[in-house]
Protein backbone atom coordinates (compact mmCIF):
# COMPACT_ATOMS: atom_id res chain seq x y z
CA UNK A 1 11.76 -14.99 -36.17
CA UNK A 2 12.72 -11.92 -34.61
CA UNK A 3 10.50 -10.25 -32.07
CA UNK A 4 10.48 -7.24 -32.73
CA UNK A 5 8.61 -4.30 -30.05
CA UNK A 6 7.47 -2.35 -33.05
CA UNK A 7 6.09 -4.75 -34.82
CA UNK A 8 2.48 -4.47 -35.46
CA UNK A 9 2.74 -0.64 -33.93
CA UNK A 10 1.71 2.17 -36.12
CA UNK A 11 4.85 5.04 -36.31
CA UNK A 12 7.61 2.71 -34.59
CA UNK A 13 6.15 2.74 -31.49
CA UNK A 14 5.35 -0.36 -29.51
CA UNK A 15 1.99 -0.89 -28.20
CA UNK A 16 0.91 -0.65 -24.97
CA UNK A 17 -0.69 -3.45 -22.63
CA UNK A 18 -4.31 -1.82 -22.15
CA UNK A 19 -3.74 -2.77 -18.48
CA UNK A 20 -0.72 -0.71 -17.94
CA UNK A 21 -2.86 2.24 -19.45
CA UNK A 22 -5.17 1.39 -16.69
CA UNK A 23 -2.84 0.96 -13.98
CA UNK A 24 -1.33 4.60 -14.75
CA UNK A 25 -4.60 6.20 -15.06
CA UNK A 26 -5.62 5.07 -12.31
CA UNK A 27 -1.89 5.91 -10.21
CA UNK A 28 -1.60 2.63 -8.97
CA UNK A 29 1.60 2.54 -7.72
CA UNK A 30 1.58 6.10 -6.66
CA UNK A 31 -1.17 5.04 -4.32
CA UNK A 32 0.45 2.12 -3.35
CA UNK A 33 3.46 4.21 -2.28
CA UNK A 34 1.08 6.46 -0.05
CA UNK A 35 -0.71 3.91 1.45
CA UNK A 36 3.01 1.94 2.83
CA UNK A 37 3.90 5.45 4.03
CA UNK A 38 1.14 6.04 6.08
CA UNK A 39 0.45 2.66 7.02
CA UNK A 40 4.36 2.60 8.25
CA UNK A 41 4.17 5.36 10.12
CA UNK A 42 0.92 4.17 11.99
CA UNK A 43 3.09 0.87 12.19
CA UNK A 44 6.23 2.77 13.34
CA UNK A 45 3.68 5.44 15.81
CA UNK A 46 2.07 2.71 17.20
CA UNK A 47 5.14 0.33 18.30
CA UNK A 48 6.42 3.10 19.69
CA UNK A 49 3.87 3.99 21.94
CA UNK A 50 3.58 0.83 23.30
CA UNK A 51 6.95 0.20 23.35
CA UNK A 52 8.09 2.54 24.70
CA UNK A 53 4.93 2.81 27.30
CA UNK A 54 3.89 6.24 26.28
CA UNK A 55 0.88 5.72 27.96
CA UNK A 56 1.55 4.05 31.24
CA UNK A 57 2.50 0.41 31.39
CA UNK A 58 0.45 -2.62 29.40
CA UNK A 59 -2.83 -3.64 31.40
CA UNK A 60 -2.09 -6.56 33.15
CA UNK A 61 0.12 -8.72 33.82
CA UNK A 62 0.82 -11.83 30.57
CA UNK A 63 3.46 -13.73 29.55
CA UNK A 64 4.43 -13.45 26.21
CA UNK A 65 6.11 -16.93 25.57
CA UNK A 66 9.08 -17.13 22.59
CA UNK A 67 9.13 -14.31 20.99
CA UNK A 68 8.69 -11.65 24.56
CA UNK A 69 6.18 -8.46 24.18
CA UNK A 70 8.53 -6.44 22.30
CA UNK A 71 8.30 -8.87 19.94
CA UNK A 72 4.27 -9.26 20.21
CA UNK A 73 4.45 -5.71 19.22
CA UNK A 74 6.10 -5.95 16.31
CA UNK A 75 4.37 -8.37 14.48
CA UNK A 76 1.19 -6.21 15.42
CA UNK A 77 2.69 -3.21 14.62
CA UNK A 78 3.68 -5.43 10.86
CA UNK A 79 -0.09 -6.27 10.96
CA UNK A 80 -1.57 -2.98 10.72
CA UNK A 81 0.92 -1.08 9.11
CA UNK A 82 0.26 -3.70 5.69
CA UNK A 83 -3.92 -3.44 6.63
CA UNK A 84 -3.50 0.20 6.51
CA UNK A 85 -1.39 0.01 3.58
CA UNK A 86 -3.66 -1.88 1.53
CA UNK A 87 -6.45 0.49 2.87
CA UNK A 88 -5.32 3.29 1.85
CA UNK A 89 -4.03 2.45 -1.12
CA UNK A 90 -7.47 0.72 -2.74
CA UNK A 91 -9.39 4.42 -1.13
CA UNK A 92 -7.12 6.24 -3.01
CA UNK A 93 -7.71 3.86 -6.75
CA UNK A 94 -10.81 3.61 -6.20
CA UNK A 95 -11.09 7.63 -5.42
CA UNK A 96 -9.11 7.54 -8.87
CA UNK A 97 -11.77 5.62 -10.36
CA UNK A 98 -14.57 7.53 -9.46
CA UNK A 99 -12.75 10.75 -11.20
CA UNK A 100 -12.25 8.63 -14.51
CA UNK A 101 -15.04 7.65 -14.72
CA UNK A 102 -17.26 10.63 -14.17
CA UNK A 103 -14.20 12.75 -16.06
CA UNK A 104 -14.67 10.69 -18.69
CA UNK A 105 -16.44 11.89 -22.21
CA UNK A 106 -19.88 10.49 -22.89
């Protein structure tokens, strides 16, 4: 038995899963790319400011075992970048969903 992607579709065009149409309508891929860019930019900026001490030295004297101060700041920058990317992508997707709902014919 052959598995033909056009089987059951009209005009020889393969059927598209409904979830794919939803993802395209909400521009999820674009929103994720924008979120990663914003989150990455913020994470890099905060890391550079803290690691290069552009705002002055760290307030207190603290020891950072195992990976040192730069390692901890790098991990914190990664967490900040990840959380920001998720937040931005979510907000953009929700905004796209609201626009799609308002534009839908009644």
